[in-house]
Amino acid sequence: MKIFHWCFQVFFLLAFVVALAAGATLALPGTGLDAIWAAKPEAHRQLLQAGWAVPLLFGVLSVLLLAAAIGLIRRRRWAPWLAGAIFAVNAVGDLADGFSGQPAAFAGAAVGAALAAVVLGRRFRRHLATRP
């Protein structure tokens, strides 16, 4: 369980950095940070067209990801619930993408559901309750 704990901590810290950078590029387009969208230029264009709410939502997501990372690092009781909710919401989004014509998104939904099950599982929560 210890390796899962460490992996989730690193995952949420990296996800925080990525979400923060993505939000920054959407709030301040035309900077050198726009290069992070090279793999998905169409998504970048669509998100820019969606308006000011998108960078704000990325900011909220960044805060939630950082909170999950810090909570897991400090072994807080609420941390697995936040992490599980983040994974579950992502899985639901992937399901929606799958049903809207992107069948590969079903794999993402399965992975998100599995990760939510791990962090919400009794064994992982018990592991967090023990102090190293």
N, C-alpha and C. Protein backbone atom coordinates (compact mmCIF):
# COMPACT_ATOMS: atom_id res chain seq x y z
N MET A 1 0.83 -1.20 0.00
CA MET A 1 0.00 0.00 0.00
C MET A 1 0.87 1.26 0.00
N LYS A 2 2.06 1.15 0.57
CA LYS A 2 2.94 2.32 0.67
C LYS A 2 3.28 2.88 -0.72
N ILE A 3 3.52 1.99 -1.68
CA ILE A 3 3.87 2.47 -3.03
C ILE A 3 2.68 3.17 -3.68
N PHE A 4 1.46 2.68 -3.45
CA PHE A 4 0.28 3.37 -3.98
C PHE A 4 0.17 4.76 -3.38
N HIS A 5 0.40 4.85 -2.08
CA HIS A 5 0.31 6.13 -1.38
C HIS A 5 1.27 7.13 -2.02
N TRP A 6 2.52 6.70 -2.22
CA TRP A 6 3.53 7.58 -2.82
C TRP A 6 3.14 7.95 -4.25
N CYS A 7 2.67 6.98 -5.02
CA CYS A 7 2.28 7.24 -6.42
C CYS A 7 1.14 8.25 -6.51
N PHE A 8 0.16 8.11 -5.63
CA PHE A 8 -0.96 9.06 -5.63
C PHE A 8 -0.50 10.46 -5.25
N GLN A 9 0.42 10.55 -4.31
CA GLN A 9 0.95 11.87 -3.93
C GLN A 9 1.61 12.54 -5.14
N VAL A 10 2.47 11.80 -5.81
CA VAL A 10 3.18 12.33 -6.98
C VAL A 10 2.19 12.65 -8.09
N PHE A 11 1.23 11.76 -8.33
CA PHE A 11 0.24 11.98 -9.38
C PHE A 11 -0.49 13.30 -9.16
N PHE A 12 -1.00 13.53 -7.95
CA PHE A 12 -1.78 14.74 -7.71
C PHE A 12 -0.91 15.99 -7.74
N LEU A 13 0.35 15.90 -7.33
CA LEU A 13 1.24 17.06 -7.46
C LEU A 13 1.50 17.39 -8.93
N LEU A 14 1.77 16.37 -9.73
CA LEU A 14 1.99 16.61 -11.17
C LEU A 14 0.73 17.11 -11.86
N ALA A 15 -0.42 16.54 -11.50
CA ALA A 15 -1.68 16.99 -12.08
C ALA A 15 -1.95 18.45 -11.72
N PHE A 16 -1.59 18.85 -10.51
CA PHE A 16 -1.72 20.25 -10.10
C PHE A 16 -0.91 21.15 -11.01
N VAL A 17 0.34 20.79 -11.26
CA VAL A 17 1.23 21.61 -12.10
C VAL A 17 0.67 21.71 -13.52
N VAL A 18 0.21 20.59 -14.07
CA VAL A 18 -0.32 20.58 -15.43
C VAL A 18 -1.59 21.43 -15.53
N ALA A 19 -2.50 21.25 -14.58
CA ALA A 19 -3.74 22.03 -14.61
C ALA A 19 -3.47 23.52 -14.43
N LEU A 20 -2.54 23.85 -13.57
CA LEU A 20 -2.19 25.26 -13.36
C LEU A 20 -1.59 25.86 -14.63
N ALA A 21 -0.69 25.12 -15.28
CA ALA A 21 -0.08 25.60 -16.52
C ALA A 21 -1.12 25.73 -17.62
N ALA A 22 -2.02 24.76 -17.73
CA ALA A 22 -3.07 24.83 -18.76
C ALA A 22 -3.96 26.04 -18.52
N GLY A 23 -4.35 26.25 -17.28
CA GLY A 23 -5.18 27.41 -16.95
C GLY A 23 -4.47 28.72 -17.25
N ALA A 24 -3.17 28.76 -16.95
CA ALA A 24 -2.39 29.98 -17.22
C ALA A 24 -2.33 30.28 -18.72
N THR A 25 -2.16 29.24 -19.54
CA THR A 25 -2.09 29.48 -20.99
C THR A 25 -3.43 29.95 -21.53
N LEU A 26 -4.51 29.52 -20.88
CA LEU A 26 -5.84 29.96 -21.34
C LEU A 26 -6.16 31.36 -20.84
N ALA A 27 -5.64 31.71 -19.68
CA ALA A 27 -5.87 33.06 -19.14
C ALA A 27 -5.00 34.09 -19.85
N LEU A 28 -3.80 33.66 -20.26
CA LEU A 28 -2.84 34.56 -20.92
C LEU A 28 -2.38 33.94 -22.22
N PRO A 29 -3.23 33.88 -23.24
CA PRO A 29 -2.83 33.24 -24.51
C PRO A 29 -1.75 34.06 -25.22
N GLY A 30 -1.01 33.37 -26.05
CA GLY A 30 0.02 34.03 -26.84
C GLY A 30 1.37 34.06 -26.17
N THR A 31 1.54 33.37 -25.06
CA THR A 31 2.84 33.32 -24.40
C THR A 31 3.57 32.05 -24.81
N GLY A 32 4.78 31.90 -24.37
CA GLY A 32 5.57 30.71 -24.67
C GLY A 32 4.97 29.44 -24.09
N LEU A 33 4.11 29.59 -23.08
CA LEU A 33 3.47 28.42 -22.48
C LEU A 33 2.49 27.73 -23.43
N ASP A 34 2.07 28.42 -24.47
CA ASP A 34 1.13 27.83 -25.43
C ASP A 34 1.69 26.56 -26.07
N ALA A 35 3.00 26.38 -26.00
CA ALA A 35 3.63 25.20 -26.59
C ALA A 35 3.14 23.91 -25.94
N ILE A 36 2.62 23.99 -24.71
CA ILE A 36 2.14 22.76 -24.07
C ILE A 36 0.92 22.19 -24.77
N TRP A 37 0.29 22.98 -25.62
CA TRP A 37 -0.89 22.52 -26.35
C TRP A 37 -0.53 21.94 -27.72
N ALA A 38 0.74 21.74 -28.02
CA ALA A 38 1.16 21.26 -29.34
C ALA A 38 0.50 19.93 -29.71
N ALA A 39 0.26 19.07 -28.73
CA ALA A 39 -0.34 17.77 -29.02
C ALA A 39 -1.84 17.86 -29.28
N LYS A 40 -2.47 18.94 -28.78
CA LYS A 40 -3.93 19.08 -28.93
C LYS A 40 -4.29 20.52 -29.29
N PRO A 41 -3.87 20.98 -30.45
CA PRO A 41 -4.15 22.37 -30.81
C PRO A 41 -5.64 22.66 -30.96
N GLU A 42 -6.43 21.68 -31.40
CA GLU A 42 -7.87 21.88 -31.55
C GLU A 42 -8.53 22.09 -30.19
N ALA A 43 -8.11 21.31 -29.20
CA ALA A 43 -8.66 21.49 -27.85
C ALA A 43 -8.30 22.87 -27.31
N HIS A 44 -7.09 23.32 -27.58
CA HIS A 44 -6.66 24.66 -27.15
C HIS A 44 -7.55 25.73 -27.76
N ARG A 45 -7.79 25.61 -29.06
CA ARG A 45 -8.63 26.59 -29.75
C ARG A 45 -10.04 26.60 -29.18
N GLN A 46 -10.60 25.42 -28.97
CA GLN A 46 -11.97 25.33 -28.44
C GLN A 46 -12.06 25.90 -27.02
N LEU A 47 -11.07 25.61 -26.19
CA LEU A 47 -11.09 26.12 -24.82
C LEU A 47 -10.93 27.63 -24.79
N LEU A 48 -10.11 28.16 -25.70
CA LEU A 48 -9.96 29.62 -25.77
C LEU A 48 -11.27 30.28 -26.18
N GLN A 49 -12.01 29.65 -27.09
CA GLN A 49 -13.27 30.21 -27.55
C GLN A 49 -14.36 30.14 -26.47
N ALA A 50 -14.19 29.26 -25.50
CA ALA A 50 -15.22 29.08 -24.46
C ALA A 50 -15.28 30.25 -23.49
N GLY A 51 -14.25 31.08 -23.47
CA GLY A 51 -14.32 32.29 -22.65
C GLY A 51 -13.57 32.23 -21.34
N TRP A 52 -13.82 33.23 -20.52
CA TRP A 52 -13.07 33.45 -19.28
C TRP A 52 -13.33 32.39 -18.21
N ALA A 53 -14.45 31.69 -18.28
CA ALA A 53 -14.79 30.71 -17.24
C ALA A 53 -13.83 29.52 -17.26
N VAL A 54 -13.28 29.20 -18.41
CA VAL A 54 -12.43 28.01 -18.51
C VAL A 54 -11.15 28.17 -17.69
N PRO A 55 -10.40 29.28 -17.82
CA PRO A 55 -9.23 29.41 -16.96
C PRO A 55 -9.59 29.41 -15.47
N LEU A 56 -10.74 29.98 -15.14
CA LEU A 56 -11.19 29.99 -13.76
C LEU A 56 -11.44 28.56 -13.27
N LEU A 57 -12.07 27.74 -14.10
CA LEU A 57 -12.33 26.35 -13.73
C LEU A 57 -11.03 25.55 -13.61
N PHE A 58 -10.07 25.84 -14.46
CA PHE A 58 -8.76 25.20 -14.33
C PHE A 58 -8.10 25.61 -13.01
N GLY A 59 -8.31 26.86 -12.61
CA GLY A 59 -7.79 27.31 -11.32
C GLY A 59 -8.42 26.55 -10.17
N VAL A 60 -9.74 26.36 -10.22
CA VAL A 60 -10.43 25.59 -9.18
C VAL A 60 -9.92 24.16 -9.17
N LEU A 61 -9.78 23.57 -10.35
CA LEU A 61 -9.25 22.21 -10.44
C LEU A 61 -7.85 22.13 -9.84
N SER A 62 -7.02 23.13 -10.12
CA SER A 62 -5.66 23.14 -9.58
C SER A 62 -5.68 23.14 -8.05
N VAL A 63 -6.55 23.94 -7.47
CA VAL A 63 -6.65 24.00 -6.01
C VAL A 63 -7.08 22.65 -5.45
N LEU A 64 -8.06 22.01 -6.09
CA LEU A 64 -8.53 20.70 -5.63
C LEU A 64 -7.43 19.64 -5.74
N LEU A 65 -6.68 19.67 -6.83
CA LEU A 65 -5.59 18.70 -7.00
C LEU A 65 -4.49 18.92 -5.97
N LEU A 66 -4.16 20.17 -5.71
CA LEU A 66 -3.14 20.46 -4.70
C LEU A 66 -3.64 20.05 -3.31
N ALA A 67 -4.91 20.31 -3.02
CA ALA A 67 -5.47 19.91 -1.73
C ALA A 67 -5.40 18.39 -1.56
N ALA A 68 -5.73 17.65 -2.62
CA ALA A 68 -5.65 16.18 -2.55
C ALA A 68 -4.21 15.74 -2.30
N ALA A 69 -3.26 16.34 -3.00
CA ALA A 69 -1.86 15.97 -2.81
C ALA A 69 -1.40 16.25 -1.38
N ILE A 70 -1.70 17.45 -0.88
CA ILE A 70 -1.28 17.81 0.48
C ILE A 70 -1.98 16.91 1.50
N GLY A 71 -3.26 16.67 1.29
CA GLY A 71 -4.00 15.79 2.19
C GLY A 71 -3.41 14.39 2.25
N LEU A 72 -3.02 13.87 1.09
CA LEU A 72 -2.41 12.53 1.07
C LEU A 72 -1.03 12.55 1.71
N ILE A 73 -0.26 13.59 1.46
CA ILE A 73 1.07 13.70 2.07
C ILE A 73 0.96 13.76 3.59
N ARG A 74 -0.02 14.52 4.08
CA ARG A 74 -0.20 14.68 5.54
C ARG A 74 -1.10 13.62 6.15
N ARG A 75 -1.54 12.67 5.31
CA ARG A 75 -2.36 11.55 5.76
C ARG A 75 -3.66 12.00 6.43
N ARG A 76 -4.32 12.95 5.81
CA ARG A 76 -5.59 13.44 6.35
C ARG A 76 -6.72 12.48 5.99
N ARG A 77 -7.68 12.35 6.89
CA ARG A 77 -8.80 11.43 6.68
C ARG A 77 -9.64 11.78 5.47
N TRP A 78 -9.76 13.05 5.16
CA TRP A 78 -10.62 13.48 4.05
C TRP A 78 -9.94 13.31 2.69
N ALA A 79 -8.62 13.13 2.68
CA ALA A 79 -7.86 13.10 1.42
C ALA A 79 -8.31 12.00 0.45
N PRO A 80 -8.50 10.76 0.92
CA PRO A 80 -8.94 9.74 -0.06
C PRO A 80 -10.32 10.04 -0.63
N TRP A 81 -11.18 10.70 0.15
CA TRP A 81 -12.52 11.04 -0.35
C TRP A 81 -12.42 12.10 -1.45
N LEU A 82 -11.54 13.08 -1.25
CA LEU A 82 -11.34 14.10 -2.30
C LEU A 82 -10.71 13.46 -3.53
N ALA A 83 -9.68 12.66 -3.32
CA ALA A 83 -9.01 11.99 -4.46
C ALA A 83 -10.00 11.09 -5.20
N GLY A 84 -10.80 10.34 -4.46
CA GLY A 84 -11.79 9.47 -5.09
C GLY A 84 -12.82 10.25 -5.88
N ALA A 85 -13.24 11.39 -5.34
CA ALA A 85 -14.21 12.23 -6.06
C ALA A 85 -13.60 12.76 -7.35
N ILE A 86 -12.34 13.17 -7.31
CA ILE A 86 -11.67 13.67 -8.51
C ILE A 86 -11.60 12.57 -9.57
N PHE A 87 -11.19 11.37 -9.16
CA PHE A 87 -11.13 10.25 -10.11
C PHE A 87 -12.51 9.91 -10.65
N ALA A 88 -13.52 9.92 -9.78
CA ALA A 88 -14.88 9.56 -10.21
C ALA A 88 -15.44 10.57 -11.20
N VAL A 89 -15.24 11.85 -10.93
CA VAL A 89 -15.72 12.88 -11.87
C VAL A 89 -15.03 12.73 -13.22
N ASN A 90 -13.74 12.45 -13.19
CA ASN A 90 -13.01 12.23 -14.44
C ASN A 90 -13.56 11.01 -15.18
N ALA A 91 -13.86 9.94 -14.43
CA ALA A 91 -14.41 8.73 -15.06
C ALA A 91 -15.76 9.01 -15.71
N VAL A 92 -16.59 9.80 -15.05
CA VAL A 92 -17.91 10.15 -15.62
C VAL A 92 -17.72 10.96 -16.90
N GLY A 93 -16.77 11.89 -16.88
CA GLY A 93 -16.47 12.66 -18.10
C GLY A 93 -16.00 11.78 -19.23
N ASP A 94 -15.15 10.80 -18.90
CA ASP A 94 -14.68 9.87 -19.93
C ASP A 94 -15.84 9.01 -20.46
N LEU A 95 -16.74 8.61 -19.58
CA LEU A 95 -17.92 7.86 -20.04
C LEU A 95 -18.74 8.69 -21.02
N ALA A 96 -18.93 9.95 -20.68
CA ALA A 96 -19.69 10.84 -21.58
C ALA A 96 -18.99 10.94 -22.93
N ASP A 97 -17.67 11.09 -22.91
CA ASP A 97 -16.91 11.14 -24.17
C ASP A 97 -17.07 9.84 -24.95
N GLY A 98 -17.04 8.72 -24.25
CA GLY A 98 -17.20 7.43 -24.90
C GLY A 98 -18.54 7.29 -25.59
N PHE A 99 -19.59 7.74 -24.91
CA PHE A 99 -20.93 7.63 -25.49
C PHE A 99 -21.16 8.68 -26.58
N SER A 100 -20.32 9.69 -26.63
CA SER A 100 -20.49 10.70 -27.68
C SER A 100 -19.60 10.44 -28.89
N GLY A 101 -19.10 9.22 -29.00
CA GLY A 101 -18.40 8.85 -30.22
C GLY A 101 -16.90 8.68 -30.10
N GLN A 102 -16.35 8.69 -28.92
CA GLN A 102 -14.91 8.48 -28.73
C GLN A 102 -14.71 7.20 -27.92
N PRO A 103 -14.77 6.05 -28.56
CA PRO A 103 -14.75 4.79 -27.82
C PRO A 103 -13.51 4.58 -26.97
N ALA A 104 -12.39 5.18 -27.32
CA ALA A 104 -11.18 5.02 -26.52
C ALA A 104 -11.34 5.61 -25.12
N ALA A 105 -12.27 6.54 -24.96
CA ALA A 105 -12.49 7.16 -23.65
C ALA A 105 -13.05 6.17 -22.64
N PHE A 106 -13.64 5.08 -23.09
CA PHE A 106 -14.14 4.07 -22.16
C PHE A 106 -13.00 3.48 -21.33
N ALA A 107 -11.82 3.37 -21.92
CA ALA A 107 -10.66 2.87 -21.17
C ALA A 107 -10.30 3.85 -20.05
N GLY A 108 -10.35 5.14 -20.35
CA GLY A 108 -10.09 6.14 -19.32
C GLY A 108 -11.10 6.07 -18.20
N ALA A 109 -12.36 5.81 -18.54
CA ALA A 109 -13.40 5.68 -17.53
C ALA A 109 -13.11 4.48 -16.62
N ALA A 110 -12.68 3.39 -17.21
CA ALA A 110 -12.37 2.19 -16.41
C ALA A 110 -11.19 2.45 -15.49
N VAL A 111 -10.18 3.12 -15.99
CA VAL A 111 -9.01 3.43 -15.16
C VAL A 111 -9.40 4.38 -14.02
N GLY A 112 -10.16 5.41 -14.35
CA GLY A 112 -10.60 6.36 -13.32
C GLY A 112 -11.43 5.68 -12.24
N ALA A 113 -12.32 4.79 -12.65
CA ALA A 113 -13.14 4.06 -11.67
C ALA A 113 -12.27 3.16 -10.81
N ALA A 114 -11.30 2.51 -11.42
CA ALA A 114 -10.40 1.63 -10.65
C ALA A 114 -9.57 2.43 -9.64
N LEU A 115 -9.06 3.58 -10.06
CA LEU A 115 -8.27 4.41 -9.15
C LEU A 115 -9.14 4.94 -8.01
N ALA A 116 -10.37 5.32 -8.32
CA ALA A 116 -11.29 5.77 -7.27
C ALA A 116 -11.53 4.62 -6.28
N ALA A 117 -11.70 3.41 -6.80
CA ALA A 117 -11.93 2.26 -5.92
C ALA A 117 -10.73 2.01 -5.01
N VAL A 118 -9.52 2.20 -5.52
CA VAL A 118 -8.33 1.98 -4.70
C VAL A 118 -8.25 3.01 -3.58
N VAL A 119 -8.37 4.30 -3.91
CA VAL A 119 -8.21 5.32 -2.87
C VAL A 119 -9.37 5.33 -1.87
N LEU A 120 -10.54 4.86 -2.30
CA LEU A 120 -11.68 4.82 -1.40
C LEU A 120 -11.78 3.49 -0.64
N GLY A 121 -10.93 2.55 -1.01
CA GLY A 121 -10.97 1.23 -0.37
C GLY A 121 -10.53 1.29 1.09
N ARG A 122 -11.07 0.40 1.86
CA ARG A 122 -10.78 0.34 3.29
C ARG A 122 -9.29 0.15 3.56
N ARG A 123 -8.64 -0.67 2.76
CA ARG A 123 -7.21 -0.95 2.96
C ARG A 123 -6.37 0.32 2.81
N PHE A 124 -6.64 1.10 1.77
CA PHE A 124 -5.88 2.34 1.56
C PHE A 124 -6.16 3.34 2.67
N ARG A 125 -7.42 3.48 3.05
CA ARG A 125 -7.77 4.43 4.12
C ARG A 125 -7.16 4.01 5.45
N ARG A 126 -7.09 2.70 5.70
CA ARG A 126 -6.44 2.21 6.92
C ARG A 126 -4.94 2.52 6.88
N HIS A 127 -4.35 2.36 5.71
CA HIS A 127 -2.93 2.68 5.55
C HIS A 127 -2.67 4.15 5.90
N LEU A 128 -3.54 5.04 5.44
CA LEU A 128 -3.37 6.47 5.74
C LEU A 128 -3.50 6.75 7.23
N ALA A 129 -4.32 5.97 7.91
CA ALA A 129 -4.56 6.20 9.34
C ALA A 129 -3.35 5.83 10.19
N THR A 130 -2.46 4.99 9.65
CA THR A 130 -1.26 4.63 10.41
C THR A 130 -0.17 5.64 10.15
N ARG A 131 0.49 6.03 11.17
CA ARG A 131 1.59 7.01 11.03
C ARG A 131 2.89 6.26 10.73
N PRO A 132 3.70 6.81 9.82
CA PRO A 132 4.94 6.13 9.45
C PRO A 132 5.94 6.10 10.61
